[in-house]
PDB file of N, CA and C in Angstrom:
ATOM      1  N   UNK A   1     -23.320   9.640  10.242  1.00  0.00           N
ATOM      2  CA  UNK A   1     -22.415   8.364  11.161  1.00  0.00           C
ATOM      3  C   UNK A   1     -21.639   7.140   9.966  1.00  0.00           C
ATOM      4  N   UNK A   2     -21.620   7.489   9.257  1.00  0.00           N
ATOM      5  CA  UNK A   2     -20.867   6.760   8.277  1.00  0.00           C
ATOM      6  C   UNK A   2     -19.133   7.241   8.783  1.00  0.00           C
ATOM      7  N   UNK A   3     -19.209   8.653   8.783  1.00  0.00           N
ATOM      8  CA  UNK A   3     -17.800   9.450   9.298  1.00  0.00           C
ATOM      9  C   UNK A   3     -17.525   8.888  10.568  1.00  0.00           C
ATOM     10  N   UNK A   4     -18.556   9.149  11.742  1.00  0.00           N
ATOM     11  CA  UNK A   4     -18.167   8.452  13.266  1.00  0.00           C
ATOM     12  C   UNK A   4     -17.915   6.712  13.175  1.00  0.00           C
ATOM     13  N   UNK A   5     -18.417   6.191  12.245  1.00  0.00           N
ATOM     14  CA  UNK A   5     -17.978   5.010  12.373  1.00  0.00           C
ATOM     15  C   UNK A   5     -16.241   5.028  11.575  1.00  0.00           C
ATOM     16  N   UNK A   6     -15.669   5.787  10.617  1.00  0.00           N
ATOM     17  CA  UNK A   6     -15.059   5.296   9.993  1.00  0.00           C
ATOM     18  C   UNK A   6     -13.752   5.871  11.010  1.00  0.00           C
ATOM     19  N   UNK A   7     -14.232   6.744  11.815  1.00  0.00           N
ATOM     20  CA  UNK A   7     -13.266   7.636  13.120  1.00  0.00           C
ATOM     21  C   UNK A   7     -13.209   6.719  14.260  1.00  0.00           C
ATOM     22  N   UNK A   8     -13.997   6.261  14.414  1.00  0.00           N
ATOM     23  CA  UNK A   8     -13.946   5.021  15.916  1.00  0.00           C
ATOM     24  C   UNK A   8     -12.982   3.942  15.126  1.00  0.00           C
ATOM     25  N   UNK A   9     -13.245   3.397  13.665  1.00  0.00           N
ATOM     26  CA  UNK A   9     -12.883   2.517  12.989  1.00  0.00           C
ATOM     27  C   UNK A   9     -10.601   3.017  13.266  1.00  0.00           C
ATOM     28  N   UNK A  10     -10.547   4.005  13.132  1.00  0.00           N
ATOM     29  CA  UNK A  10      -9.660   4.840  13.083  1.00  0.00           C
ATOM     30  C   UNK A  10      -8.285   5.055  14.115  1.00  0.00           C
ATOM     31  N   UNK A  11      -9.042   4.668  14.821  1.00  0.00           N
ATOM     32  CA  UNK A  11      -8.899   5.023  16.620  1.00  0.00           C
ATOM     33  C   UNK A  11      -8.575   3.956  17.051  1.00  0.00           C
ATOM     34  N   UNK A  12      -9.034   2.700  17.118  1.00  0.00           N
ATOM     35  CA  UNK A  12      -9.066   0.809  17.251  1.00  0.00           C
ATOM     36  C   UNK A  12      -7.774   0.634  16.242  1.00  0.00           C
ATOM     37  N   UNK A  13      -7.534   1.075  15.156  1.00  0.00           N
ATOM     38  CA  UNK A  13      -6.513   0.809  14.415  1.00  0.00           C
ATOM     39  C   UNK A  13      -5.738   1.479  15.246  1.00  0.00           C
ATOM     40  N   UNK A  14      -5.503   2.983  15.170  1.00  0.00           N
ATOM     41  CA  UNK A  14      -4.069   3.607  15.528  1.00  0.00           C
ATOM     42  C   UNK A  14      -3.486   2.881  17.370  1.00  0.00           C
ATOM     43  N   UNK A  15      -4.516   2.508  18.392  1.00  0.00           N
ATOM     44  CA  UNK A  15      -4.694   2.241  19.453  1.00  0.00           C
ATOM     45  C   UNK A  15      -3.991   0.938  19.054  1.00  0.00           C
ATOM     46  N   UNK A  16      -4.320  -0.309  18.555  1.00  0.00           N
ATOM     47  CA  UNK A  16      -3.540  -1.624  18.074  1.00  0.00           C
ATOM     48  C   UNK A  16      -2.294  -0.983  17.137  1.00  0.00           C
ATOM     49  N   UNK A  17      -2.126  -0.339  16.761  1.00  0.00           N
ATOM     50  CA  UNK A  17      -1.132   0.176  16.734  1.00  0.00           C
ATOM     51  C   UNK A  17      -0.197   0.429  17.116  1.00  0.00           C
ATOM     52  N   UNK A  18      -0.350   1.308  18.163  1.00  0.00           N
ATOM     53  CA  UNK A  18       0.532   1.950  19.051  1.00  0.00           C
ATOM     54  C   UNK A  18       0.825   0.783  20.620  1.00  0.00           C
ATOM     55  N   UNK A  19      -0.243   0.128  20.249  1.00  0.00           N
ATOM     56  CA  UNK A  19       0.035  -1.487  21.220  1.00  0.00           C
ATOM     57  C   UNK A  19       0.994  -2.421  21.150  1.00  0.00           C
ATOM     58  N   UNK A  20       1.010  -2.362  19.880  1.00  0.00           N
ATOM     59  CA  UNK A  20       1.907  -3.659  19.097  1.00  0.00           C
ATOM     60  C   UNK A  20       3.484  -2.788  19.260  1.00  0.00           C
ATOM     61  N   UNK A  21       3.509  -1.374  18.908  1.00  0.00           N
ATOM     62  CA  UNK A  21       4.789  -0.944  18.809  1.00  0.00           C
ATOM     63  C   UNK A  21       5.456  -0.951  20.090  1.00  0.00           C
ATOM     64  N   UNK A  22       4.035  -0.008  21.173  1.00  0.00           N
ATOM     65  CA  UNK A  22       4.639  -0.031  22.756  1.00  0.00           C
ATOM     66  C   UNK A  22       5.525  -1.472  23.234  1.00  0.00           C
ATOM     67  N   UNK A  23       5.161  -2.492  22.535  1.00  0.00           N
ATOM     68  CA  UNK A  23       5.771  -4.012  22.531  1.00  0.00           C
ATOM     69  C   UNK A  23       7.061  -4.221  22.127  1.00  0.00           C
ATOM     70  N   UNK A  24       7.848  -3.391  21.800  1.00  0.00           N
ATOM     71  CA  UNK A  24       8.528  -3.429  20.679  1.00  0.00           C
ATOM     72  C   UNK A  24       8.951  -4.643  20.038  1.00  0.00           C
ATOM     73  N   UNK A  25       9.948  -5.297  19.883  1.00  0.00           N
ATOM     74  CA  UNK A  25      10.856  -6.157  19.221  1.00  0.00           C
ATOM     75  C   UNK A  25       9.887  -7.442  19.021  1.00  0.00           C
ATOM     76  N   UNK A  26       9.535  -7.803  20.454  1.00  0.00           N
ATOM     77  CA  UNK A  26       8.945  -8.838  20.429  1.00  0.00           C
ATOM     78  C   UNK A  26       7.526  -9.159  19.934  1.00  0.00           C
ATOM     79  N   UNK A  27       7.427  -8.005  20.030  1.00  0.00           N
ATOM     80  CA  UNK A  27       5.623  -8.462  19.435  1.00  0.00           C
ATOM     81  C   UNK A  27       4.729  -7.998  20.324  1.00  0.00           C
ATOM     82  N   UNK A  28       2.996  -8.018  20.265  1.00  0.00           N
ATOM     83  CA  UNK A  28       2.454  -8.203  21.160  1.00  0.00           C
ATOM     84  C   UNK A  28       1.468  -9.618  20.927  1.00  0.00           C
ATOM     85  N   UNK A  29       1.135 -10.121  21.815  1.00  0.00           N
ATOM     86  CA  UNK A  29       0.608 -11.285  21.768  1.00  0.00           C
ATOM     87  C   UNK A  29      -0.516 -10.841  21.290  1.00  0.00           C
ATOM     88  N   UNK A  30      -1.160 -11.717  20.060  1.00  0.00           N
ATOM     89  CA  UNK A  30      -2.754 -11.182  19.517  1.00  0.00           C
ATOM     90  C   UNK A  30      -4.238 -10.759  20.748  1.00  0.00           C
ATOM     91  N   UNK A  31      -3.769 -12.331  21.935  1.00  0.00           N
ATOM     92  CA  UNK A  31      -5.035 -11.791  22.606  1.00  0.00           C
ATOM     93  C   UNK A  31      -4.836 -10.987  23.662  1.00  0.00           C
ATOM     94  N   UNK A  32      -3.529 -10.223  23.949  1.00  0.00           N
ATOM     95  CA  UNK A  32      -3.378  -9.049  24.412  1.00  0.00           C
ATOM     96  C   UNK A  32      -3.654  -7.847  23.818  1.00  0.00           C
ATOM     97  N   UNK A  33      -3.559  -7.735  22.200  1.00  0.00           N
ATOM     98  CA  UNK A  33      -4.514  -6.958  21.568  1.00  0.00           C
ATOM     99  C   UNK A  33      -5.753  -7.060  21.804  1.00  0.00           C
ATOM    100  N   UNK A  34      -6.108  -8.212  21.363  1.00  0.00           N
ATOM    101  CA  UNK A  34      -8.257  -8.513  21.677  1.00  0.00           C
ATOM    102  C   UNK A  34      -8.172  -8.059  22.812  1.00  0.00           C
ATOM    103  N   UNK A  35      -7.867  -7.986  24.031  1.00  0.00           N
ATOM    104  CA  UNK A  35      -8.530  -7.692  25.577  1.00  0.00           C
ATOM    105  C   UNK A  35      -8.426  -6.407  25.333  1.00  0.00           C
ATOM    106  N   UNK A  36      -7.244  -5.939  24.651  1.00  0.00           N
ATOM    107  CA  UNK A  36      -6.944  -4.395  24.915  1.00  0.00           C
ATOM    108  C   UNK A  36      -8.388  -3.650  24.245  1.00  0.00           C
ATOM    109  N   UNK A  37      -9.052  -3.801  23.237  1.00  0.00           N
ATOM    110  CA  UNK A  37      -9.698  -3.293  22.341  1.00  0.00           C
ATOM    111  C   UNK A  37     -11.131  -4.273  23.036  1.00  0.00           C
ATOM    112  N   UNK A  38     -11.463  -5.445  23.736  1.00  0.00           N
ATOM    113  CA  UNK A  38     -12.807  -5.865  24.031  1.00  0.00           C
ATOM    114  C   UNK A  38     -13.127  -4.370  25.250  1.00  0.00           C
ATOM    115  N   UNK A  39     -11.950  -3.990  25.906  1.00  0.00           N
ATOM    116  CA  UNK A  39     -12.553  -2.912  26.722  1.00  0.00           C
ATOM    117  C   UNK A  39     -13.422  -2.074  26.057  1.00  0.00           C
ATOM    118  N   UNK A  40     -13.083  -1.589  25.217  1.00  0.00           N
ATOM    119  CA  UNK A  40     -13.608  -0.495  23.736  1.00  0.00           C
ATOM    120  C   UNK A  40     -14.460  -0.910  23.275  1.00  0.00           C
ATOM    121  N   UNK A  41     -15.407  -2.336  23.623  1.00  0.00           N
ATOM    122  CA  UNK A  41     -16.611  -2.769  23.029  1.00  0.00           C
ATOM    123  C   UNK A  41     -16.561  -3.830  21.486  1.00  0.00           C
ATOM    124  N   UNK A  42     -14.883  -4.135  21.526  1.00  0.00           N
ATOM    125  CA  UNK A  42     -14.443  -4.464  20.148  1.00  0.00           C
ATOM    126  C   UNK A  42     -14.696  -6.089  20.230  1.00  0.00           C
ATOM    127  N   UNK A  43     -15.370  -6.448  19.457  1.00  0.00           N
ATOM    128  CA  UNK A  43     -15.997  -7.926  19.178  1.00  0.00           C
ATOM    129  C   UNK A  43     -14.709  -9.073  18.581  1.00  0.00           C
ATOM    130  N   UNK A  44     -14.326  -9.782  18.761  1.00  0.00           N
ATOM    131  CA  UNK A  44     -13.493 -11.145  18.189  1.00  0.00           C
ATOM    132  C   UNK A  44     -14.312 -11.103  17.027  1.00  0.00           C
ATOM    133  N   UNK A  45     -14.621 -10.596  16.109  1.00  0.00           N
ATOM    134  CA  UNK A  45     -15.274 -10.742  14.698  1.00  0.00           C
ATOM    135  C   UNK A  45     -14.861  -8.814  14.178  1.00  0.00           C
ATOM    136  N   UNK A  46     -14.761  -8.075  14.705  1.00  0.00           N
ATOM    137  CA  UNK A  46     -14.222  -7.175  14.538  1.00  0.00           C
ATOM    138  C   UNK A  46     -12.725  -6.592  14.579  1.00  0.00           C
ATOM    139  N   UNK A  47     -12.745  -7.243  15.925  1.00  0.00           N
ATOM    140  CA  UNK A  47     -10.946  -7.681  16.152  1.00  0.00           C
ATOM    141  C   UNK A  47     -10.289  -8.269  15.094  1.00  0.00           C
ATOM    142  N   UNK A  48     -10.767  -9.608  14.875  1.00  0.00           N
ATOM    143  CA  UNK A  48     -10.010 -10.104  13.369  1.00  0.00           C
ATOM    144  C   UNK A  48     -10.057  -9.821  11.796  1.00  0.00           C
ATOM    145  N   UNK A  49     -11.086  -8.754  11.776  1.00  0.00           N
ATOM    146  CA  UNK A  49     -11.788  -7.660  10.488  1.00  0.00           C
ATOM    147  C   UNK A  49     -10.051  -6.647  10.244  1.00  0.00           C
ATOM    148  N   UNK A  50     -10.108  -6.332  11.684  1.00  0.00           N
ATOM    149  CA  UNK A  50      -9.384  -5.149  11.798  1.00  0.00           C
ATOM    150  C   UNK A  50      -7.718  -5.700  11.647  1.00  0.00           C
ATOM    151  N   UNK A  51      -7.078  -6.664  12.098  1.00  0.00           N
ATOM    152  CA  UNK A  51      -5.840  -7.478  12.552  1.00  0.00           C
ATOM    153  C   UNK A  51      -5.626  -7.753  10.779  1.00  0.00           C
ATOM    154  N   UNK A  52      -6.769  -8.591   9.834  1.00  0.00           N
ATOM    155  CA  UNK A  52      -6.678  -8.819   8.599  1.00  0.00           C
ATOM    156  C   UNK A  52      -6.498  -7.906   7.769  1.00  0.00           C
ATOM    157  N   UNK A  53      -7.189  -5.974   8.337  1.00  0.00           N
ATOM    158  CA  UNK A  53      -7.253  -5.018   7.186  1.00  0.00           C
ATOM    159  C   UNK A  53      -5.751  -4.966   7.644  1.00  0.00           C
ATOM    160  N   UNK A  54      -5.369  -4.936   8.455  1.00  0.00           N
ATOM    161  CA  UNK A  54      -3.661  -4.199   9.011  1.00  0.00           C
ATOM    162  C   UNK A  54      -2.895  -4.707   8.374  1.00  0.00           C
ATOM    163  N   UNK A  55      -3.023  -6.491   8.239  1.00  0.00           N
ATOM    164  CA  UNK A  55      -1.899  -7.263   7.481  1.00  0.00           C
ATOM    165  C   UNK A  55      -2.195  -7.094   6.419  1.00  0.00           C
ATOM    166  N   UNK A  56      -3.509  -6.836   5.550  1.00  0.00           N
ATOM    167  CA  UNK A  56      -2.971  -6.659   4.157  1.00  0.00           C
ATOM    168  C   UNK A  56      -2.668  -5.154   3.820  1.00  0.00           C
ATOM    169  N   UNK A  57      -3.136  -4.205   4.396  1.00  0.00           N
ATOM    170  CA  UNK A  57      -2.248  -3.240   4.101  1.00  0.00           C
ATOM    171  C   UNK A  57      -0.443  -3.107   4.615  1.00  0.00           C
ATOM    172  N   UNK A  58       0.035  -4.065   4.592  1.00  0.00           N
ATOM    173  CA  UNK A  58       0.944  -4.164   4.908  1.00  0.00           C
ATOM    174  C   UNK A  58       2.018  -3.127   6.170  1.00  0.00           C
ATOM    175  N   UNK A  59       1.240  -2.843   7.054  1.00  0.00           N
ATOM    176  CA  UNK A  59       1.046  -2.390   8.831  1.00  0.00           C
ATOM    177  C   UNK A  59       1.285  -3.345  10.175  1.00  0.00           C
ATOM    178  N   UNK A  60       1.066  -4.594   9.931  1.00  0.00           N
ATOM    179  CA  UNK A  60       1.358  -5.843  11.041  1.00  0.00           C
ATOM    180  C   UNK A  60       0.935  -6.290  10.247  1.00  0.00           C
ATOM    181  N   UNK A  61       2.292  -7.697  10.435  1.00  0.00           N
ATOM    182  CA  UNK A  61       2.554  -9.184  10.665  1.00  0.00           C
ATOM    183  C   UNK A  61       2.128  -9.565  11.663  1.00  0.00           C
ATOM    184  N   UNK A  62       1.706 -10.816  11.903  1.00  0.00           N
ATOM    185  CA  UNK A  62       0.866 -11.733  12.628  1.00  0.00           C
ATOM    186  C   UNK A  62       1.389 -13.543  12.837  1.00  0.00           C
ATOM    187  N   UNK A  63       2.072 -13.547  13.628  1.00  0.00           N
ATOM    188  CA  UNK A  63       2.873 -14.963  12.957  1.00  0.00           C
ATOM    189  C   UNK A  63       3.098 -15.846  14.601  1.00  0.00           C
ATOM    190  N   UNK A  64       2.400 -16.868  14.702  1.00  0.00           N
ATOM    191  CA  UNK A  64       1.852 -18.086  15.658  1.00  0.00           C
ATOM    192  C   UNK A  64       1.295 -16.837  16.987  1.00  0.00           C
ATOM    193  N   UNK A  65       0.226 -16.000  16.568  1.00  0.00           N
ATOM    194  CA  UNK A  65      -0.635 -15.614  17.431  1.00  0.00           C
ATOM    195  C   UNK A  65       0.325 -14.422  17.688  1.00  0.00           C
ATOM    196  N   UNK A  66       1.700 -13.692  17.219  1.00  0.00           N
ATOM    197  CA  UNK A  66       2.259 -12.762  17.805  1.00  0.00           C
ATOM    198  C   UNK A  66       2.588 -11.642  16.560  1.00  0.00           C
ATOM    199  N   UNK A  67       1.615 -10.335  16.962  1.00  0.00           N
ATOM    200  CA  UNK A  67       2.047  -9.047  16.050  1.00  0.00           C
ATOM    201  C   UNK A  67       2.688  -8.068  16.506  1.00  0.00           C
ATOM    202  N   UNK A  68       3.017  -8.116  15.085  1.00  0.00           N
ATOM    203  CA  UNK A  68       4.381  -6.957  15.143  1.00  0.00           C
ATOM    204  C   UNK A  68       4.312  -6.045  13.939  1.00  0.00           C
ATOM    205  N   UNK A  69       5.098  -4.735  14.016  1.00  0.00           N
ATOM    206  CA  UNK A  69       5.245  -3.828  12.537  1.00  0.00           C
ATOM    207  C   UNK A  69       6.142  -4.339  11.920  1.00  0.00           C
ATOM    208  N   UNK A  70       5.089  -4.163  10.748  1.00  0.00           N
ATOM    209  CA  UNK A  70       6.392  -3.691   9.967  1.00  0.00           C
ATOM    210  C   UNK A  70       7.680  -2.632   9.687  1.00  0.00           C
ATOM    211  N   UNK A  71       7.836  -2.282   8.456  1.00  0.00           N
ATOM    212  CA  UNK A  71       8.912  -0.874   8.314  1.00  0.00           C
ATOM    213  C   UNK A  71       7.572   0.150   8.327  1.00  0.00           C
ATOM    214  N   UNK A  72       6.341  -0.431   7.519  1.00  0.00           N
ATOM    215  CA  UNK A  72       5.560   0.481   7.756  1.00  0.00           C
ATOM    216  C   UNK A  72       4.576   0.831   8.750  1.00  0.00           C
ATOM    217  N   UNK A  73       4.324  -0.432   9.487  1.00  0.00           N
ATOM    218  CA  UNK A  73       3.860  -0.028  10.671  1.00  0.00           C
ATOM    219  C   UNK A  73       4.556   0.805  11.801  1.00  0.00           C
ATOM    220  N   UNK A  74       5.959   0.750  11.374  1.00  0.00           N
ATOM    221  CA  UNK A  74       7.150   1.829  12.208  1.00  0.00           C
ATOM    222  C   UNK A  74       6.963   2.702  12.155  1.00  0.00           C
ATOM    223  N   UNK A  75       6.719   2.948  10.736  1.00  0.00           N
ATOM    224  CA  UNK A  75       6.511   4.572  10.561  1.00  0.00           C
ATOM    225  C   UNK A  75       5.153   4.983  10.852  1.00  0.00           C
ATOM    226  N   UNK A  76       4.591   4.617  11.334  1.00  0.00           N
ATOM    227  CA  UNK A  76       2.976   5.024  11.833  1.00  0.00           C
ATOM    228  C   UNK A  76       3.167   5.256  12.986  1.00  0.00           C
ATOM    229  N   UNK A  77       3.763   4.243  13.586  1.00  0.00           N
ATOM    230  CA  UNK A  77       3.873   4.037  15.210  1.00  0.00           C
ATOM    231  C   UNK A  77       4.866   5.313  15.134  1.00  0.00           C
ATOM    232  N   UNK A  78       5.916   5.421  14.772  1.00  0.00           N
ATOM    233  CA  UNK A  78       6.455   6.795  14.872  1.00  0.00           C
ATOM    234  C   UNK A  78       5.870   8.015  14.885  1.00  0.00           C
ATOM    235  N   UNK A  79       4.623   7.819  13.785  1.00  0.00           N
ATOM    236  CA  UNK A  79       3.581   9.534  13.445  1.00  0.00           C
ATOM    237  C   UNK A  79       2.721   9.688  14.422  1.00  0.00           C
ATOM    238  N   UNK A  80       2.076   8.338  15.331  1.00  0.00           N
ATOM    239  CA  UNK A  80       1.430   8.151  16.293  1.00  0.00           C
ATOM    240  C   UNK A  80       2.042   9.673  17.630  1.00  0.00           C
ATOM    241  N   UNK A  81       3.352   8.839  17.545  1.00  0.00           N
ATOM    242  CA  UNK A  81       4.333   8.550  18.819  1.00  0.00           C
ATOM    243  C   UNK A  81       4.172  10.365  18.770  1.00  0.00           C
ATOM    244  N   UNK A  82       4.537  10.425  17.745  1.00  0.00           N
ATOM    245  CA  UNK A  82       5.134  12.074  17.375  1.00  0.00           C
ATOM    246  C   UNK A  82       3.844  12.819  17.885  1.00  0.00           C
ATOM    247  N   UNK A  83       2.528  12.674  17.405  1.00  0.00           N
ATOM    248  CA  UNK A  83       1.368  13.533  17.621  1.00  0.00           C
ATOM    249  C   UNK A  83       0.972  13.156  18.593  1.00  0.00           C
ATOM    250  N   UNK A  84       1.260  12.669  19.774  1.00  0.00           N
ATOM    251  CA  UNK A  84       1.268  12.503  21.430  1.00  0.00           C
ATOM    252  C   UNK A  84       1.560  13.553  21.710  1.00  0.00           C
ATOM    253  N   UNK A  85       3.080  13.683  21.526  1.00  0.00           N
ATOM    254  CA  UNK A  85       3.543  14.868  21.732  1.00  0.00           C
ATOM    255  C   UNK A  85       3.298  15.997  21.942  1.00  0.00           C
ATOM    256  N   UNK A  86       2.785  16.291  20.691  1.00  0.00           N
ATOM    257  CA  UNK A  86       2.685  17.765  20.420  1.00  0.00           C
ATOM    258  C   UNK A  86       1.441  18.605  21.092  1.00  0.00           C
TER     259      UNK A  86
END
């Protein structure tokens, strides 16, 4: 069960990173990120935890409810896009 939970969390994180990356330099409004993940069964508490983890790991920044990728996040975004292409 733990492995399934970890995989689901990783997939949700990847979805959020990809969405923020797709938004470009302007960033993604946090509410849009939440709405996207809510469609996959994520509640507000889980969404806020996921964003906090990604911020702590220096993948995302959040200013004025706008999510943007850090340099590390941009590298991960590039890897995700490359994986989708293969």
